[in-house]
Protein backbone atom coordinates (compact mmCIF):
# COMPACT_ATOMS: atom_id res chain seq x y z
CA MET A 1 108.08 92.67 92.72
CA LYS A 2 104.82 92.43 91.22
CA LEU A 3 104.31 89.93 88.62
CA ARG A 4 101.67 89.79 85.86
CA LEU A 5 101.21 87.16 83.31
CA GLN A 6 98.96 87.40 80.22
CA GLY A 7 98.96 85.41 77.34
CA ASP A 8 102.71 85.02 76.22
CA SER A 9 103.43 88.23 77.87
CA VAL A 10 105.34 88.96 81.37
CA ARG A 11 105.16 92.07 83.13
CA LEU A 12 107.33 92.89 86.39
CA ARG A 13 106.68 96.10 88.26
CA LEU A 14 109.67 96.89 90.73
CA SER A 15 109.59 98.68 93.93
CA ARG A 16 112.08 101.68 94.71
CA VAL A 17 114.52 99.19 96.68
CA GLU A 18 114.40 96.69 93.93
CA VAL A 19 115.35 99.14 91.19
CA ALA A 20 118.20 100.68 93.56
CA THR A 21 119.37 96.98 93.77
CA LEU A 22 119.55 96.57 90.06
CA ALA A 23 121.34 99.88 89.70
CA THR A 24 124.29 98.33 91.45
CA GLY A 25 124.29 95.49 89.09
CA ALA A 26 122.86 92.86 91.54
CA ASP A 27 120.00 90.56 90.86
CA VAL A 28 116.53 90.75 92.29
CA GLU A 29 114.46 87.97 93.41
CA ALA A 30 110.92 87.51 94.69
CA VAL A 31 109.26 84.30 95.96
CA THR A 32 105.57 83.41 96.34
CA ARG A 33 104.91 80.57 98.56
CA PHE A 34 101.64 78.64 97.91
CA PHE A 35 99.39 76.92 100.62
CA SER A 36 100.21 73.62 99.24
CA GLY A 37 103.86 74.09 100.01
CA GLY A 38 105.05 74.94 96.40
CA GLU A 39 106.48 78.13 95.33
CA LEU A 40 107.28 80.34 92.38
CA ARG A 41 110.51 82.36 92.30
CA VAL A 42 111.25 85.25 89.93
CA GLN A 43 114.61 86.29 89.33
CA LEU A 44 115.69 89.32 87.52
CA THR A 45 119.28 89.89 86.57
CA PRO A 46 121.33 92.19 84.34
CA GLY A 47 122.60 90.29 81.20
CA ASP A 48 124.16 90.79 77.86
CA GLN A 49 120.97 89.78 76.11
CA TRP A 50 117.42 89.12 76.59
CA HIS A 51 116.81 85.59 78.07
CA THR A 52 114.15 83.76 79.96
CA SER A 53 114.01 80.45 81.35
CA LEU A 54 111.37 78.44 83.59
CA GLU A 55 113.06 75.49 85.55
CA SER A 56 112.18 73.95 88.89
CA GLY A 57 109.60 76.60 89.67
CA THR A 58 112.12 79.49 89.02
CA LEU A 59 111.38 82.11 86.26
CA ARG A 60 114.61 83.69 85.28
CA ILE A 61 114.80 86.83 83.21
CA ALA A 62 117.96 88.51 82.08
CA ALA A 63 117.92 91.85 80.37
CA PRO A 64 120.48 93.97 78.71
CA GLY A 65 120.70 97.78 79.97
CA LEU A 66 118.95 96.87 83.09
CA THR A 67 121.48 98.43 85.29
CA ALA A 68 121.61 101.56 83.28
CA TRP A 69 117.78 101.67 82.94
CA ALA A 70 117.46 101.49 86.90
CA ALA A 71 119.46 104.64 87.37
CA THR A 72 117.22 106.74 85.08
CA ASP A 73 113.85 108.37 85.28
CA ALA A 74 112.68 105.99 82.49
CA GLU A 75 109.35 104.03 83.31
CA GLY A 76 110.21 100.74 81.86
CA LEU A 77 112.39 98.42 79.69
CA TYR A 78 110.61 96.38 77.14
CA HIS A 79 111.29 93.53 74.76
CA LEU A 80 109.05 92.27 71.86
CA ASN A 81 105.87 93.05 73.42
CA ALA A 82 106.54 90.07 75.71
CA ILE A 83 108.40 91.23 78.53
CA ALA A 84 107.97 94.43 80.34
CA ILE A 85 110.12 95.44 83.46
CA GLU A 86 108.58 98.68 84.77
CA LYS A 87 108.96 100.94 87.94
CA ASP A 88 105.85 100.44 90.24
CA PHE A 89 104.03 103.83 90.49
CA ALA A 90 101.79 104.57 93.38
CA CYS A 91 98.33 103.90 92.76
CA LEU A 92 96.14 107.20 93.10
CA HIS A 93 93.04 105.59 94.42
CA ARG A 94 94.53 103.47 97.18
CA ASP A 95 95.45 104.23 100.77
CA PRO A 96 98.93 105.77 101.08
CA THR A 97 100.20 102.85 103.27
CA ALA A 98 99.38 100.34 100.36
CA ASN A 99 101.68 102.44 98.09
CA GLU A 100 104.77 102.00 100.44
CA GLY A 101 107.87 101.47 98.54
CA THR A 102 106.20 102.72 95.12
CA PHE A 103 107.61 105.48 92.96
CA PRO A 104 105.54 108.97 92.80
CA ASN A 105 102.86 108.58 90.12
CA PRO A 106 103.50 111.24 87.67
CA ALA A 107 99.73 111.74 87.08
CA ALA A 108 99.50 112.92 90.92
CA ILE A 109 101.76 116.04 90.10
CA VAL A 110 99.84 119.10 90.65
CA LYS A 111 100.56 121.84 87.96
CA GLU A 112 100.42 125.46 89.08
């Protein structure tokens, strides 16, 4: 899971494995450990309504429709320009090994 914070918005980019996990109705969690010994956890969970909280170093995001979205080809799920949950597409300018676990980039499709 990739996390981007910008102003009052949160953007999560999810790998294929993470999206597949959400499709089963299970939670997805990522942990970033800092050199100082602290850590930041991000937990994404299917829910009945949008909800976010930050407690004890854990950012929790609940989203309705998450399980259904994960089973579709839709790129993302969005809420009030504040939360973006997206499938992580391969970068076109990176080494293929750096794109491991990502979704194929639609822009890379060659049209005949």
